[in-house]
Amino acid sequence: MHAPVLVLKDSLKRESGTKVHHANIQASKAVADIIRTTLGPRSMLKMLLDASGEVGDGTTSVIVLAGELLHVAEAFIEKNYHPTVICRAYNKALEDAIAVLDNIAMTIDVKHRSTVLGLVKSCIGTKFTSQFGDLIADLAIDATQTVGVDVGQGLREVDIKKYIKVEKVPGSQLEDSKVLKGVMINKDVVAPGKMKRKILNPRIILLDCPLEYKKGENQTNAELVKEEDWEVLLKMEEEYIENLCLQILKFKPDLVITEKGLSDLACHYLSKAGVSAIRRVRKTDNNRIAKSSGAVIVNRPDELQESDVGTGAGLFEVKKMGDEFFAFIIDCKDPKACTVLLRGASKDLLNEVERNLQDAMSVSRNIIKNPKLVPGGGATELTVSAALKQKSSSVEGIEKWPYEAAALAFEAIPRTLAQNCGVNVIRTMTALQGKHANGENAWIGIDGNTGAITDMKDQKIWDAYNVKAQTFKTAIEAACMLLRIDDIVSGIKKKQAPGAGQASKPKVETEADADGEQILPD
């Protein structure tokens, strides 16, 4: 009896699912169309995009590619292809695309600076700072090479987040920006009049404990019987702090840095001994100082050893920049952490430069970790597209057509570049497809500035292998995720039409109301 109803419901569900797919695809196409105009160097000041994702670059490409993959999937959704079939075909195409990348990738020597510089420059060539020439690329390469550490088996680990700090100080010119061989923090010494602000080859002790009298955990009551007991209590506090300072001074430091507080009395003992002190330093900054000066952060002064004292820094200096004081611990022998000092006319300019620098550092890190290049300017996508078209003839079953469509979708990147250059798109694309059809000329692509068809090796327009691989993976994953959505469930109740019924007082819903409410229609 109930079977026909079930069949009806199922067909309705499928129909509503198709509608939802249309809505998702239309929305994705709209986003891709807006962002499409920002791909390539001709459109660099159109829209400022902050890059996110694992490799830190290639966001525009991901959106354009994902939008195109969904666009070509629309025809299959209309023909009642199941989304899983389309996704399976897309994933197969992804595997083959990565295999093509492996074939055309070119390994480079990381120590060859001009090659790395060329790559980083081509990454930020589409961004605001490209007008400043090599400046940002140089800063990025210097910073990442400073903090790179060998982890064995020929691998290098570069932690941009932990060990590279970007300090933005408005004022002066952008050309005055530099990578410091050490650390800079926005702090002054505790007692500026009494403590030295410049020390050569300082001995540095780093602490993460307070140099002040311990306060009770909770409310502490002390009952004093005689008047002299008060004196004794104060004396004990003073002796405690003096003892702490003596334990530190045993090691003859020139500079003591603590993450916690430092009392006036401790300041007195340290300045008397000719020691400069800085208090309430951030944990992250303290870690960077430890990495660059060779010091070890100590939890208790009585656990100090000679090996914990940092002697790797060449200079400690406090300088005033703009309205604020900055402490520099620089000229380090072997710094494994550094600070990039950015100067510029305004805060807005500096924020944009910092975003571009983050991208450049990500690209530089990718090259250090995986020194392989693929051609830029849409050449990689054209090669992948041509290879997938050839391979599609050997794909069996219903997945053949979505696979072929995915091959065509990769052409969205070079087509978009051609559109943004203002050249004849059809002519340019036909010429490029002809050059790539037989699998040769893998390095032929579009010069984003002129729209000319050129060899990317000659133009030095390259992409990091990691960035390209991640772009393809993210785009196909995003497209598959959106295709798999059957229905959109909204928790918003429909508003009543204006003028229907009296304007009533706002009603506060209770749990009882929610229980009695019909969520599904009859």
Protein backbone atom coordinates (compact mmCIF):
# COMPACT_ATOMS: atom_id res chain seq x y z
CA MET A 1 0.00 0.00 0.00
CA HIS A 2 2.73 2.43 0.94
CA ALA A 3 5.16 1.63 -1.91
CA PRO A 4 3.81 4.23 -4.42
CA VAL A 5 4.09 6.96 -1.79
CA LEU A 6 7.71 6.00 -1.17
CA VAL A 7 8.48 6.07 -4.89
CA LEU A 8 6.85 9.47 -5.18
CA LYS A 9 8.84 10.82 -2.23
CA ASP A 10 12.07 9.43 -3.69
CA SER A 11 11.51 11.05 -7.09
CA LEU A 12 10.62 14.33 -5.41
CA LYS A 13 13.80 14.13 -3.36
CA ARG A 14 15.87 13.52 -6.49
CA GLU A 15 14.24 16.49 -8.20
CA SER A 16 14.87 18.76 -5.21
CA GLY A 17 18.43 17.43 -5.07
CA THR A 18 18.96 18.50 -8.69
CA LYS A 19 17.61 21.97 -7.86
CA VAL A 20 20.04 22.25 -4.96
CA HIS A 21 22.91 21.19 -7.19
CA HIS A 22 21.90 23.95 -9.60
CA ALA A 23 21.84 26.49 -6.76
CA ASN A 24 25.28 25.40 -5.53
CA ILE A 25 26.76 25.42 -9.02
CA GLN A 26 25.29 28.85 -9.81
CA ALA A 27 26.67 30.28 -6.54
CA SER A 28 30.12 28.79 -7.18
CA LYS A 29 30.14 30.11 -10.75
CA ALA A 30 29.23 33.58 -9.47
CA VAL A 31 32.14 33.57 -7.01
CA ALA A 32 34.53 32.20 -9.64
CA ASP A 33 33.42 34.88 -12.13
CA ILE A 34 34.10 37.68 -9.66
CA ILE A 35 37.50 36.35 -8.65
CA ARG A 36 38.45 35.32 -12.19
CA THR A 37 39.34 38.93 -13.04
CA THR A 38 42.06 38.92 -10.36
CA LEU A 39 44.18 36.11 -11.87
CA GLY A 40 47.50 37.13 -13.36
CA PRO A 41 49.70 40.22 -13.30
CA ARG A 42 47.44 42.43 -15.44
CA SER A 43 44.90 42.60 -12.64
CA MET A 44 47.12 42.89 -9.62
CA LEU A 45 45.56 45.96 -8.06
CA LYS A 46 41.97 44.89 -8.68
CA MET A 47 41.33 43.01 -5.49
CA LEU A 48 43.53 42.20 -2.53
CA LEU A 49 43.21 38.58 -1.52
CA ASP A 50 44.68 37.15 1.63
CA ALA A 51 46.05 33.70 0.88
CA SER A 52 45.24 30.77 3.09
CA GLY A 53 45.77 27.05 2.77
CA GLU A 54 48.69 24.78 3.26
CA VAL A 55 51.07 26.19 0.72
CA GLY A 56 50.20 29.84 1.19
CA ASP A 57 49.66 30.73 -2.46
CA GLY A 58 47.46 29.96 -5.47
CA THR A 59 44.09 30.82 -3.91
CA THR A 60 42.75 32.60 -6.98
CA SER A 61 43.59 29.61 -9.18
CA VAL A 62 41.75 27.26 -6.79
CA ILE A 63 38.55 29.30 -6.97
CA VAL A 64 38.65 29.68 -10.76
CA LEU A 65 39.37 25.97 -11.27
CA ALA A 66 36.73 24.78 -8.77
CA GLY A 67 34.14 27.10 -10.36
CA GLU A 68 34.91 25.67 -13.80
CA LEU A 69 34.77 22.06 -12.58
CA LEU A 70 31.30 22.72 -11.17
CA HIS A 71 30.25 24.53 -14.35
CA VAL A 72 31.11 21.52 -16.54
CA ALA A 73 29.39 19.19 -14.04
CA GLU A 74 26.08 20.98 -14.51
CA ALA A 75 25.32 19.18 -17.78
CA PHE A 76 25.77 15.79 -16.09
CA ILE A 77 23.57 16.70 -13.13
CA GLU A 78 20.81 17.59 -15.62
CA LYS A 79 21.19 14.18 -17.25
CA ASN A 80 20.66 12.60 -13.80
CA TYR A 81 24.24 11.41 -13.37
CA HIS A 82 24.81 10.59 -9.72
CA PRO A 83 27.21 13.09 -8.02
CA THR A 84 29.32 10.16 -6.78
CA VAL A 85 30.02 9.12 -10.39
CA ILE A 86 31.13 12.65 -11.29
CA CYS A 87 33.32 12.86 -8.16
CA ARG A 88 34.89 9.50 -8.95
CA ALA A 89 35.77 10.71 -12.44
CA TYR A 90 37.18 13.96 -11.02
CA ASN A 91 39.36 12.10 -8.52
CA LYS A 92 40.67 9.85 -11.29
CA ALA A 93 41.47 13.00 -13.28
CA LEU A 94 43.26 14.44 -10.22
CA GLU A 95 45.50 11.36 -9.90
CA ASP A 96 46.42 11.57 -13.58
CA ALA A 97 46.97 15.34 -13.34
CA ILE A 98 49.45 14.88 -10.47
CA ALA A 99 51.23 12.20 -12.55
CA VAL A 100 51.57 14.74 -15.41
CA LEU A 101 52.98 17.29 -12.91
CA ASP A 102 55.61 14.73 -11.86
CA ASN A 103 56.59 14.26 -15.49
CA ILE A 104 57.06 17.93 -16.37
CA ALA A 105 58.50 19.08 -13.01
CA MET A 106 62.07 20.36 -13.10
CA THR A 107 64.32 19.88 -10.07
CA ILE A 108 66.41 22.92 -9.09
CA ASP A 109 69.35 23.63 -6.84
CA VAL A 110 68.15 25.53 -3.76
CA LYS A 111 71.61 27.04 -3.28
CA HIS A 112 71.33 28.71 -6.69
CA ARG A 113 69.90 31.99 -5.48
CA SER A 114 68.92 33.56 -8.80
CA THR A 115 66.69 30.56 -9.66
CA VAL A 116 64.89 30.72 -6.30
CA LEU A 117 64.62 34.50 -6.65
CA GLY A 118 63.03 34.10 -10.09
CA LEU A 119 60.46 31.69 -8.70
CA VAL A 120 59.51 33.84 -5.69
CA LYS A 121 59.29 36.89 -7.97
CA SER A 122 56.94 35.11 -10.35
CA CYS A 123 54.75 34.22 -7.36
CA ILE A 124 54.44 37.83 -6.18
CA GLY A 125 54.47 39.27 -9.71
CA THR A 126 50.67 39.43 -9.57
CA LYS A 127 50.65 41.26 -6.27
CA PHE A 128 50.94 44.82 -5.05
CA THR A 129 54.62 44.66 -4.07
CA SER A 130 55.81 43.54 -7.52
CA GLN A 131 56.42 47.23 -8.24
CA PHE A 132 59.25 47.21 -5.70
CA GLY A 133 61.34 44.78 -7.74
CA ASP A 134 63.37 42.17 -5.90
CA LEU A 135 62.94 43.68 -2.43
CA ILE A 136 60.19 41.42 -1.01
CA ALA A 137 61.54 38.29 -2.73
CA ASP A 138 65.00 38.96 -1.24
CA LEU A 139 63.56 39.45 2.25
CA ALA A 140 61.54 36.22 1.97
CA ILE A 141 64.50 34.13 0.78
CA ASP A 142 66.87 35.53 3.44
CA ALA A 143 64.34 34.90 6.21
CA THR A 144 63.44 31.34 5.20
CA GLN A 145 67.06 30.34 4.61
CA THR A 146 68.00 31.70 8.05
CA VAL A 147 65.45 29.61 9.96
CA GLY A 148 65.76 26.43 7.88
CA VAL A 149 67.05 23.47 9.90
CA ASP A 150 68.27 20.12 8.58
CA VAL A 151 66.21 17.25 9.93
CA GLY A 152 68.33 14.51 8.36
CA GLN A 153 67.95 12.46 5.16
CA GLY A 154 68.56 15.60 3.14
CA LEU A 155 65.32 17.21 4.37
CA ARG A 156 65.01 20.75 5.67
CA GLU A 157 62.27 22.01 7.96
CA VAL A 158 61.26 25.69 7.81
CA ASP A 159 58.82 26.93 10.44
CA ILE A 160 57.65 30.32 9.23
CA LYS A 161 55.05 30.83 11.95
CA LYS A 162 57.21 30.10 14.97
CA TYR A 163 60.61 31.48 14.06
CA ILE A 164 60.02 34.36 11.66
CA LYS A 165 58.44 37.46 13.17
CA VAL A 166 57.39 40.37 10.98
CA GLU A 167 57.64 43.71 12.78
CA LYS A 168 55.89 46.60 11.03
CA VAL A 169 57.17 50.04 11.98
CA PRO A 170 55.58 52.97 10.11
CA GLY A 171 57.95 55.68 8.98
CA SER A 172 60.97 55.74 6.66
CA GLN A 173 60.87 54.04 3.23
CA LEU A 174 60.03 50.51 2.20
CA GLU A 175 63.58 50.16 0.88
CA ASP A 176 64.83 50.36 4.50
CA SER A 177 63.17 47.02 5.30
CA LYS A 178 65.61 44.26 6.21
CA VAL A 179 66.00 40.79 7.71
CA LEU A 180 67.73 41.00 11.09
CA LYS A 181 70.18 38.28 12.05
CA GLY A 182 68.45 37.92 15.34
CA VAL A 183 65.38 39.22 17.15
CA MET A 184 63.73 42.56 17.74
CA ILE A 185 61.07 43.09 20.41
CA ASN A 186 58.92 46.08 21.27
CA LYS A 187 60.38 46.55 24.76
CA ASP A 188 62.75 48.82 26.69
CA VAL A 189 64.95 47.94 29.67
CA VAL A 190 63.22 48.06 33.08
CA ALA A 191 65.19 51.04 34.43
CA PRO A 192 66.32 53.13 31.43
CA GLY A 193 68.41 55.56 33.47
CA LYS A 194 70.39 52.91 35.39
CA MET A 195 70.71 50.07 32.87
CA LYS A 196 72.87 49.92 29.77
CA ARG A 197 71.07 50.17 26.44
CA LYS A 198 73.94 48.85 24.34
CA ILE A 199 76.05 45.77 25.11
CA LEU A 200 78.51 44.03 22.79
CA ASN A 201 78.59 40.20 22.86
CA PRO A 202 76.09 40.01 25.75
CA ARG A 203 75.70 36.98 28.01
CA ILE A 204 71.95 36.40 28.03
CA ILE A 205 69.83 34.59 30.62
CA LEU A 206 66.21 33.81 29.73
CA LEU A 207 63.65 33.07 32.47
CA ASP A 208 59.97 32.31 32.56
CA CYS A 209 59.55 32.89 36.29
CA PRO A 210 58.82 36.12 38.20
CA LEU A 211 61.64 37.96 39.98
CA GLU A 212 59.37 39.25 42.69
CA TYR A 213 58.06 37.99 46.02
CA LYS A 214 55.59 35.14 45.66
CA LYS A 215 52.09 36.13 46.51
CA GLY A 216 49.82 33.64 48.26
CA GLU A 217 47.69 31.45 46.04
CA ASN A 218 44.48 32.45 47.84
CA GLN A 219 43.67 34.95 50.52
CA THR A 220 46.57 34.66 52.91
CA ASN A 221 46.30 35.81 56.52
CA ALA A 222 49.40 36.41 58.60
CA GLU A 223 48.92 37.09 62.31
CA LEU A 224 51.59 39.33 63.74
CA VAL A 225 51.95 39.40 67.53
CA LYS A 226 54.77 41.88 68.02
CA GLU A 227 55.59 45.04 66.14
CA GLU A 228 59.03 43.65 65.20
CA ASP A 229 57.37 40.70 63.37
CA TRP A 230 56.41 43.08 60.60
CA GLU A 231 60.06 43.98 60.13
CA VAL A 232 60.95 40.28 60.03
CA LEU A 233 58.32 39.64 57.39
CA LEU A 234 59.61 42.43 55.15
CA LYS A 235 63.20 41.27 55.72
CA MET A 236 62.24 37.76 54.60
CA GLU A 237 60.74 39.11 51.41
CA GLU A 238 63.85 41.15 50.69
CA GLU A 239 66.15 38.23 51.40
CA TYR A 240 64.10 35.99 49.09
CA ILE A 241 64.50 38.44 46.19
CA GLU A 242 68.17 39.07 46.97
CA ASN A 243 68.75 35.34 46.94
CA LEU A 244 67.06 35.00 43.55
CA CYS A 245 69.21 37.79 42.10
CA LEU A 246 72.43 36.32 43.56
CA GLN A 247 71.69 32.96 41.91
CA ILE A 248 71.38 34.77 38.58
CA LEU A 249 74.38 37.07 39.10
CA LYS A 250 76.63 34.06 39.80
CA PHE A 251 76.73 33.47 36.04
CA LYS A 252 77.77 37.06 35.26
CA PRO A 253 75.02 37.85 32.75
CA ASP A 254 74.81 41.16 30.87
CA LEU A 255 71.14 40.81 30.05
CA VAL A 256 68.29 39.10 31.92
CA ILE A 257 64.96 38.62 30.16
CA THR A 258 61.89 37.24 31.93
CA GLU A 259 58.38 36.48 30.71
CA LYS A 260 56.90 37.45 34.10
CA GLY A 261 57.19 40.41 36.45
CA LEU A 262 60.34 41.92 37.98
CA SER A 263 60.11 43.83 41.25
CA ASP A 264 61.77 47.19 42.04
CA LEU A 265 64.10 45.49 44.48
CA ALA A 266 65.24 42.92 41.90
CA CYS A 267 65.72 45.78 39.46
CA HIS A 268 67.94 47.51 42.07
CA TYR A 269 70.16 44.43 42.61
CA LEU A 270 70.52 43.79 38.87
CA SER A 271 71.26 47.40 37.89
CA LYS A 272 73.78 47.63 40.77
CA ALA A 273 75.62 44.69 39.23
CA GLY A 274 75.55 46.39 35.81
CA VAL A 275 72.97 43.98 34.36
CA SER A 276 70.23 45.14 31.99
CA ALA A 277 66.80 43.54 32.39
CA ILE A 278 63.63 43.26 30.30
CA ARG A 279 60.37 41.98 31.78
CA ARG A 280 57.02 40.63 30.57
CA VAL A 281 58.27 39.39 27.21
CA ARG A 282 55.90 37.23 25.16
CA LYS A 283 56.48 33.48 25.25
CA THR A 284 56.86 33.38 21.45
CA ASP A 285 59.43 36.19 21.49
CA ASN A 286 61.36 34.46 24.27
CA ASN A 287 61.49 31.28 22.17
CA ARG A 288 62.84 33.25 19.22
CA ILE A 289 65.52 34.89 21.40
CA ALA A 290 66.51 31.44 22.69
CA LYS A 291 66.79 30.11 19.12
CA SER A 292 68.91 32.99 17.91
CA SER A 293 71.21 33.53 20.92
CA GLY A 294 71.70 29.90 21.96
CA ALA A 295 70.26 30.46 25.46
CA VAL A 296 67.94 28.02 27.23
CA ILE A 297 64.75 29.28 28.91
CA VAL A 298 64.96 28.40 32.62
CA ASN A 299 62.01 27.94 34.99
CA ARG A 300 63.79 28.52 38.30
CA PRO A 301 66.90 30.61 38.96
CA ASP A 302 68.34 27.91 41.26
CA GLU A 303 68.41 25.49 38.30
CA LEU A 304 70.63 27.73 36.19
CA GLN A 305 73.74 26.23 34.56
CA GLU A 306 76.53 27.73 32.49
CA SER A 307 75.19 25.94 29.38
CA ASP A 308 71.89 27.84 29.72
CA VAL A 309 73.57 31.21 29.16
CA GLY A 310 73.24 32.49 25.60
CA THR A 311 76.47 33.79 24.10
CA GLY A 312 75.55 33.63 20.40
CA ALA A 313 74.40 37.25 19.99
CA GLY A 314 76.85 39.91 18.82
CA LEU A 315 74.96 42.99 19.99
CA PHE A 316 72.16 44.02 22.33
CA GLU A 317 70.83 47.49 21.69
CA VAL A 318 67.72 49.51 22.49
CA LYS A 319 66.74 52.02 19.81
CA LYS A 320 63.87 54.42 19.42
CA MET A 321 61.91 54.08 16.19
CA GLY A 322 59.01 56.44 15.71
CA ASP A 323 57.44 56.89 19.14
CA GLU A 324 58.44 53.53 20.61
CA PHE A 325 61.51 51.78 21.93
CA PHE A 326 62.65 48.48 20.43
CA ALA A 327 65.22 46.08 21.85
CA PHE A 328 67.47 44.40 19.27
CA ILE A 329 69.39 41.20 19.91
CA ILE A 330 71.25 40.93 16.62
CA ASP A 331 74.45 39.93 14.78
CA CYS A 332 73.95 36.37 16.02
CA LYS A 333 76.50 33.73 15.03
CA ASP A 334 74.03 31.05 13.96
CA PRO A 335 70.48 32.38 14.31
CA LYS A 336 67.72 29.83 13.88
CA ALA A 337 65.10 32.56 14.28
CA CYS A 338 64.88 35.99 12.76
CA THR A 339 62.81 39.16 12.53
CA VAL A 340 61.83 40.87 9.30
CA LEU A 341 61.71 44.61 9.92
CA LEU A 342 59.28 46.28 7.53
CA ARG A 343 59.35 50.05 7.14
CA GLY A 344 56.89 52.06 5.10
CA ALA A 345 54.85 55.22 4.86
CA SER A 346 51.60 53.99 6.41
CA LYS A 347 50.03 51.11 8.31
CA ASP A 348 47.84 50.11 5.37
CA LEU A 349 50.83 49.85 3.07
CA LEU A 350 52.70 47.78 5.67
CA ASN A 351 49.76 45.41 6.15
CA GLU A 352 49.59 44.75 2.41
CA VAL A 353 53.36 44.29 2.18
CA GLU A 354 53.21 41.83 5.08
CA ARG A 355 50.53 39.75 3.32
CA ASN A 356 52.63 39.63 0.16
CA LEU A 357 55.72 38.75 2.20
CA GLN A 358 53.87 35.84 3.83
CA ASP A 359 53.05 34.49 0.36
CA ALA A 360 56.64 34.93 -0.78
CA MET A 361 57.97 33.17 2.34
CA SER A 362 55.54 30.30 1.81
CA VAL A 363 56.78 29.86 -1.75
CA SER A 364 60.40 30.07 -0.64
CA ARG A 365 59.69 27.45 2.07
CA ASN A 366 58.01 25.16 -0.46
CA ILE A 367 61.08 25.33 -2.68
CA ILE A 368 63.43 24.55 0.23
CA LYS A 369 61.27 21.56 1.22
CA ASN A 370 60.56 20.29 -2.30
CA PRO A 371 62.89 21.90 -4.88
CA LYS A 372 60.78 21.25 -8.00
CA LEU A 373 59.37 23.71 -10.50
CA VAL A 374 56.54 23.55 -13.02
CA PRO A 375 55.81 26.16 -15.72
CA GLY A 376 53.51 29.08 -14.90
CA GLY A 377 51.38 31.18 -17.24
CA GLY A 378 48.79 28.43 -17.72
CA ALA A 379 51.33 26.10 -19.39
CA THR A 380 50.97 23.40 -16.70
CA GLU A 381 47.17 23.42 -16.95
CA LEU A 382 47.32 23.15 -20.76
CA THR A 383 49.71 20.19 -20.56
CA VAL A 384 47.50 18.49 -17.96
CA SER A 385 44.38 19.19 -20.06
CA ALA A 386 45.97 17.72 -23.23
CA ALA A 387 47.20 14.62 -21.36
CA LEU A 388 43.78 14.01 -19.76
CA LYS A 389 42.00 14.44 -23.12
CA GLN A 390 44.25 11.72 -24.59
CA LYS A 391 43.72 9.46 -21.61
CA SER A 392 39.94 9.90 -21.56
CA SER A 393 39.59 7.52 -24.54
CA SER A 394 40.86 4.66 -22.35
CA VAL A 395 38.49 5.43 -19.44
CA GLU A 396 35.68 2.90 -19.41
CA GLY A 397 32.03 3.19 -18.43
CA ILE A 398 29.90 6.14 -17.53
CA GLU A 399 32.83 8.03 -15.91
CA LYS A 400 34.38 8.70 -19.34
CA TRP A 401 32.36 11.88 -19.98
CA PRO A 402 32.86 13.65 -16.61
CA TYR A 403 36.58 12.75 -16.92
CA GLU A 404 36.68 14.42 -20.35
CA ALA A 405 34.85 17.45 -18.92
CA ALA A 406 37.44 17.73 -16.11
CA ALA A 407 40.16 17.75 -18.79
CA LEU A 408 38.45 20.74 -20.42
CA ALA A 409 37.97 22.50 -17.06
CA PHE A 410 41.76 22.81 -16.59
CA GLU A 411 41.80 25.17 -19.59
CA ALA A 412 39.97 27.76 -17.45
CA ILE A 413 43.28 29.07 -16.04
CA PRO A 414 45.03 29.90 -19.37
CA ARG A 415 41.70 31.15 -20.80
CA THR A 416 41.24 33.48 -17.84
CA LEU A 417 44.81 34.77 -18.19
CA ALA A 418 44.15 35.47 -21.88
CA GLN A 419 40.90 37.29 -21.02
CA ASN A 420 42.64 39.43 -18.41
CA CYS A 421 45.30 40.45 -20.96
CA GLY A 422 42.66 41.64 -23.40
CA VAL A 423 43.84 39.46 -26.31
CA ASN A 424 41.66 37.41 -28.67
CA VAL A 425 40.81 34.49 -26.40
CA ILE A 426 39.66 31.97 -29.03
CA ARG A 427 42.67 32.54 -31.29
CA THR A 428 45.11 32.36 -28.39
CA MET A 429 43.54 29.23 -26.90
CA THR A 430 43.45 27.46 -30.29
CA ALA A 431 47.13 28.25 -30.87
CA LEU A 432 48.04 27.02 -27.38
CA GLN A 433 45.99 23.81 -27.72
CA GLY A 434 47.74 23.14 -31.01
CA LYS A 435 51.15 23.47 -29.35
CA HIS A 436 50.18 21.21 -26.45
CA ALA A 437 48.14 18.62 -28.36
CA ASN A 438 50.97 16.16 -28.93
CA GLY A 439 52.33 16.38 -25.38
CA GLU A 440 55.37 18.40 -26.46
CA ASN A 441 56.08 22.06 -25.67
CA ALA A 442 55.04 21.62 -22.02
CA TRP A 443 56.60 25.01 -21.21
CA ILE A 444 54.57 27.09 -23.70
CA GLY A 445 52.12 29.40 -21.94
CA ILE A 446 50.79 32.96 -21.82
CA ASP A 447 52.78 36.00 -20.74
CA GLY A 448 50.34 37.59 -18.28
CA ASN A 449 51.51 41.10 -19.11
CA THR A 450 51.41 41.09 -22.92
CA GLY A 451 49.19 38.10 -23.70
CA ALA A 452 51.90 36.72 -26.02
CA ILE A 453 52.43 32.97 -26.35
CA THR A 454 55.93 32.35 -25.06
CA ASP A 455 58.23 29.79 -23.50
CA MET A 456 57.95 30.04 -19.73
CA LYS A 457 61.59 28.97 -19.24
CA ASP A 458 62.79 32.03 -21.15
CA GLN A 459 60.41 34.34 -19.31
CA LYS A 460 61.29 32.80 -15.92
CA ILE A 461 57.56 32.40 -15.13
CA TRP A 462 57.51 29.42 -12.79
CA ASP A 463 55.33 27.89 -10.11
CA ALA A 464 56.39 25.70 -7.21
CA TYR A 465 55.42 22.06 -7.69
CA ASN A 466 53.85 21.99 -4.19
CA VAL A 467 51.66 24.99 -4.96
CA LYS A 468 50.38 23.54 -8.23
CA ALA A 469 49.70 20.09 -6.74
CA GLN A 470 47.87 21.64 -3.79
CA THR A 471 45.87 23.93 -6.11
CA PHE A 472 44.61 20.96 -8.13
CA LYS A 473 43.83 18.90 -5.03
CA THR A 474 41.97 21.71 -3.25
CA ALA A 475 39.96 22.71 -6.34
CA ILE A 476 38.81 19.15 -7.07
CA GLU A 477 38.07 18.45 -3.38
CA ALA A 478 36.01 21.65 -3.13
CA ALA A 479 34.09 20.84 -6.32
CA CYS A 480 33.37 17.27 -5.14
CA MET A 481 32.24 18.48 -1.74
CA LEU A 482 29.74 20.91 -3.27
CA LEU A 483 28.48 18.29 -5.73
CA ARG A 484 27.78 15.85 -2.93
CA ILE A 485 25.41 18.23 -1.16
CA ASP A 486 21.85 16.92 -1.74
CA ASP A 487 19.85 19.43 0.19
CA ILE A 488 20.35 22.63 2.10
CA VAL A 489 18.66 22.62 5.50
CA SER A 490 17.98 26.08 6.80
CA GLY A 491 17.11 26.75 10.42
CA ILE A 492 15.49 30.11 9.66
CA LYS A 493 11.72 30.38 9.95
CA LYS A 494 9.98 32.16 7.09
CA LYS A 495 9.01 35.71 7.99
CA GLN A 496 5.36 36.74 7.79
CA ALA A 497 4.48 38.96 4.84
CA PRO A 498 4.37 42.66 5.78
CA GLY A 499 0.89 43.84 6.76
CA ALA A 500 -0.46 40.35 7.38
CA GLY A 501 -2.03 40.47 10.81
CA GLN A 502 -1.54 42.95 13.64
CA ALA A 503 1.95 43.95 14.71
CA SER A 504 2.23 41.87 17.83
CA LYS A 505 4.74 42.06 20.66
CA PRO A 506 7.93 40.06 20.08
CA LYS A 507 7.34 36.59 21.47
CA VAL A 508 10.08 34.77 23.35
CA GLU A 509 10.09 31.13 22.42
CA THR A 510 10.49 28.53 25.13
CA GLU A 511 11.55 24.91 24.94
CA ALA A 512 7.90 23.83 25.16
CA ASP A 513 7.09 25.85 22.01
CA ALA A 514 9.94 24.21 20.14
CA ASP A 515 8.70 20.75 21.11
CA GLY A 516 5.20 21.42 19.86
CA GLU A 517 6.32 22.99 16.59
CA GLN A 518 5.93 21.00 13.40
CA ILE A 519 9.27 20.91 11.64
CA LEU A 520 8.32 18.71 8.65
CA PRO A 521 5.34 19.55 6.42
CA ASP A 522 2.41 17.12 6.39
